[in-house]
Protein backbone atom coordinates (compact mmCIF):
# COMPACT_ATOMS: atom_id res chain seq x y z
CA UNK A 1 0.00 0.00 0.00
CA UNK A 2 1.31 3.48 -0.86
CA UNK A 3 1.91 6.12 1.79
CA UNK A 4 -1.55 7.57 2.07
CA UNK A 5 -0.45 9.91 4.85
CA UNK A 6 2.26 11.36 2.63
CA UNK A 7 -0.17 11.83 -0.26
CA UNK A 8 -2.73 13.43 2.03
CA UNK A 9 -0.05 15.71 3.47
CA UNK A 10 1.09 16.82 0.01
CA UNK A 11 -2.49 17.37 -1.14
CA UNK A 12 -3.25 19.28 2.08
CA UNK A 13 -0.20 21.51 1.61
CA UNK A 14 -1.01 22.14 -2.05
CA UNK A 15 -4.67 22.84 -1.27
CA UNK A 16 -3.79 25.19 1.60
CA UNK A 17 -1.22 26.91 -0.61
CA UNK A 18 -3.85 27.50 -3.29
CA UNK A 19 -6.26 28.76 -0.63
CA UNK A 20 -3.61 31.13 0.74
CA UNK A 21 -2.92 32.56 -2.70
CA UNK A 22 -6.55 32.61 -3.82
CA UNK A 23 -8.04 34.06 -0.62
CA UNK A 24 -5.45 34.87 2.03
CA UNK A 25 -8.25 36.36 4.13
CA UNK A 26 -9.46 33.13 5.73
CA UNK A 27 -7.37 30.10 4.74
CA UNK A 28 -8.77 28.23 7.74
CA UNK A 29 -12.21 28.26 6.10
CA UNK A 30 -11.53 24.91 4.43
CA UNK A 31 -9.82 23.32 7.44
PDB file of N, CA and C in Angstrom:
ATOM      1  N   UNK A   1       0.853  -1.203   0.000  1.00  0.00           N
ATOM      2  CA  UNK A   1       0.000   0.000   0.000  1.00  0.00           C
ATOM      3  C   UNK A   1       0.888   1.252   0.000  1.00  0.00           C
ATOM      4  N   UNK A   2       0.539   2.233  -0.799  1.00  0.00           N
ATOM      5  CA  UNK A   2       1.314   3.480  -0.862  1.00  0.00           C
ATOM      6  C   UNK A   2       1.117   4.314   0.401  1.00  0.00           C
ATOM      7  N   UNK A   3       2.011   5.260   0.587  1.00  0.00           N
ATOM      8  CA  UNK A   3       1.908   6.116   1.786  1.00  0.00           C
ATOM      9  C   UNK A   3       0.739   7.079   1.632  1.00  0.00           C
ATOM     10  N   UNK A   4      -0.372   6.703   2.201  1.00  0.00           N
ATOM     11  CA  UNK A   4      -1.551   7.568   2.068  1.00  0.00           C
ATOM     12  C   UNK A   4      -1.351   8.849   2.883  1.00  0.00           C
ATOM     13  N   UNK A   5      -0.685   8.717   4.016  1.00  0.00           N
ATOM     14  CA  UNK A   5      -0.449   9.906   4.853  1.00  0.00           C
ATOM     15  C   UNK A   5       0.370  10.927   4.086  1.00  0.00           C
ATOM     16  N   UNK A   6       1.399  10.449   3.393  1.00  0.00           N
ATOM     17  CA  UNK A   6       2.261  11.363   2.630  1.00  0.00           C
ATOM     18  C   UNK A   6       1.444  12.046   1.538  1.00  0.00           C
ATOM     19  N   UNK A   7       0.646  11.264   0.820  1.00  0.00           N
ATOM     20  CA  UNK A   7      -0.168  11.825  -0.262  1.00  0.00           C
ATOM     21  C   UNK A   7      -1.135  12.859   0.307  1.00  0.00           C
ATOM     22  N   UNK A   8      -1.795  12.501   1.412  1.00  0.00           N
ATOM     23  CA  UNK A   8      -2.734  13.432   2.035  1.00  0.00           C
ATOM     24  C   UNK A   8      -2.014  14.708   2.452  1.00  0.00           C
ATOM     25  N   UNK A   9      -0.818  14.545   3.020  1.00  0.00           N
ATOM     26  CA  UNK A   9      -0.049  15.707   3.474  1.00  0.00           C
ATOM     27  C   UNK A   9       0.272  16.615   2.291  1.00  0.00           C
ATOM     28  N   UNK A  10       0.746  16.022   1.197  1.00  0.00           N
ATOM     29  CA  UNK A  10       1.090  16.825   0.011  1.00  0.00           C
ATOM     30  C   UNK A  10      -0.160  17.535  -0.509  1.00  0.00           C
ATOM     31  N   UNK A  11      -1.242  16.782  -0.642  1.00  0.00           N
ATOM     32  CA  UNK A  11      -2.493  17.372  -1.143  1.00  0.00           C
ATOM     33  C   UNK A  11      -2.933  18.505  -0.220  1.00  0.00           C
ATOM     34  N   UNK A  12      -2.851  18.257   1.103  1.00  0.00           N
ATOM     35  CA  UNK A  12      -3.251  19.276   2.077  1.00  0.00           C
ATOM     36  C   UNK A  12      -2.421  20.540   1.898  1.00  0.00           C
ATOM     37  N   UNK A  13      -1.100  20.355   1.776  1.00  0.00           N
ATOM     38  CA  UNK A  13      -0.205  21.506   1.613  1.00  0.00           C
ATOM     39  C   UNK A  13      -0.540  22.258   0.328  1.00  0.00           C
ATOM     40  N   UNK A  14      -0.713  21.510  -0.757  1.00  0.00           N
ATOM     41  CA  UNK A  14      -1.015  22.142  -2.046  1.00  0.00           C
ATOM     42  C   UNK A  14      -2.347  22.884  -1.950  1.00  0.00           C
ATOM     43  N   UNK A  15      -3.343  22.211  -1.387  1.00  0.00           N
ATOM     44  CA  UNK A  15      -4.665  22.839  -1.269  1.00  0.00           C
ATOM     45  C   UNK A  15      -4.576  24.112  -0.433  1.00  0.00           C
ATOM     46  N   UNK A  16      -3.919  24.016   0.726  1.00  0.00           N
ATOM     47  CA  UNK A  16      -3.795  25.186   1.596  1.00  0.00           C
ATOM     48  C   UNK A  16      -3.039  26.293   0.874  1.00  0.00           C
ATOM     49  N   UNK A  17      -1.997  25.913   0.126  1.00  0.00           N
ATOM     50  CA  UNK A  17      -1.221  26.913  -0.614  1.00  0.00           C
ATOM     51  C   UNK A  17      -2.121  27.648  -1.595  1.00  0.00           C
ATOM     52  N   UNK A  18      -2.937  26.878  -2.322  1.00  0.00           N
ATOM     53  CA  UNK A  18      -3.846  27.504  -3.292  1.00  0.00           C
ATOM     54  C   UNK A  18      -4.805  28.432  -2.546  1.00  0.00           C
ATOM     55  N   UNK A  19      -5.324  27.957  -1.417  1.00  0.00           N
ATOM     56  CA  UNK A  19      -6.259  28.762  -0.628  1.00  0.00           C
ATOM     57  C   UNK A  19      -5.584  30.069  -0.212  1.00  0.00           C
ATOM     58  N   UNK A  20      -4.337  29.948   0.287  1.00  0.00           N
ATOM     59  CA  UNK A  20      -3.611  31.134   0.743  1.00  0.00           C
ATOM     60  C   UNK A  20      -3.477  32.138  -0.385  1.00  0.00           C
ATOM     61  N   UNK A  21      -3.119  31.653  -1.572  1.00  0.00           N
ATOM     62  CA  UNK A  21      -2.919  32.561  -2.704  1.00  0.00           C
ATOM     63  C   UNK A  21      -4.262  33.095  -3.193  1.00  0.00           C
ATOM     64  N   UNK A  22      -5.242  32.213  -3.309  1.00  0.00           N
ATOM     65  CA  UNK A  22      -6.552  32.614  -3.817  1.00  0.00           C
ATOM     66  C   UNK A  22      -7.204  33.611  -2.856  1.00  0.00           C
ATOM     67  N   UNK A  23      -7.403  33.185  -1.621  1.00  0.00           N
ATOM     68  CA  UNK A  23      -8.043  34.056  -0.624  1.00  0.00           C
ATOM     69  C   UNK A  23      -7.268  33.988   0.679  1.00  0.00           C
ATOM     70  N   UNK A  24      -6.303  34.881   0.833  1.00  0.00           N
ATOM     71  CA  UNK A  24      -5.450  34.872   2.028  1.00  0.00           C
ATOM     72  C   UNK A  24      -6.200  35.447   3.225  1.00  0.00           C
ATOM     73  N   UNK A  25      -7.474  35.782   3.028  1.00  0.00           N
ATOM     74  CA  UNK A  25      -8.249  36.362   4.133  1.00  0.00           C
ATOM     75  C   UNK A  25      -8.544  35.303   5.188  1.00  0.00           C
ATOM     76  N   UNK A  26      -9.124  34.179   4.765  1.00  0.00           N
ATOM     77  CA  UNK A  26      -9.458  33.126   5.732  1.00  0.00           C
ATOM     78  C   UNK A  26      -9.101  31.757   5.173  1.00  0.00           C
ATOM     79  N   UNK A  27      -7.809  31.400   5.229  1.00  0.00           N
ATOM     80  CA  UNK A  27      -7.365  30.096   4.736  1.00  0.00           C
ATOM     81  C   UNK A  27      -7.869  28.954   5.611  1.00  0.00           C
ATOM     82  N   UNK A  28      -8.290  29.267   6.835  1.00  0.00           N
ATOM     83  CA  UNK A  28      -8.765  28.230   7.743  1.00  0.00           C
ATOM     84  C   UNK A  28     -10.201  27.834   7.410  1.00  0.00           C
ATOM     85  N   UNK A  29     -10.806  28.517   6.439  1.00  0.00           N
ATOM     86  CA  UNK A  29     -12.205  28.257   6.097  1.00  0.00           C
ATOM     87  C   UNK A  29     -12.408  26.821   5.640  1.00  0.00           C
ATOM     88  N   UNK A  30     -11.392  26.266   4.952  1.00  0.00           N
ATOM     89  CA  UNK A  30     -11.530  24.906   4.426  1.00  0.00           C
ATOM     90  C   UNK A  30     -10.962  23.856   5.372  1.00  0.00           C
ATOM     91  N   UNK A  31     -10.413  24.294   6.520  1.00  0.00           N
ATOM     92  CA  UNK A  31      -9.819  23.323   7.444  1.00  0.00           C
ATOM     93  C   UNK A  31     -10.917  22.676   8.288  1.00  0.00           C
TER      94      UNK A  31
END
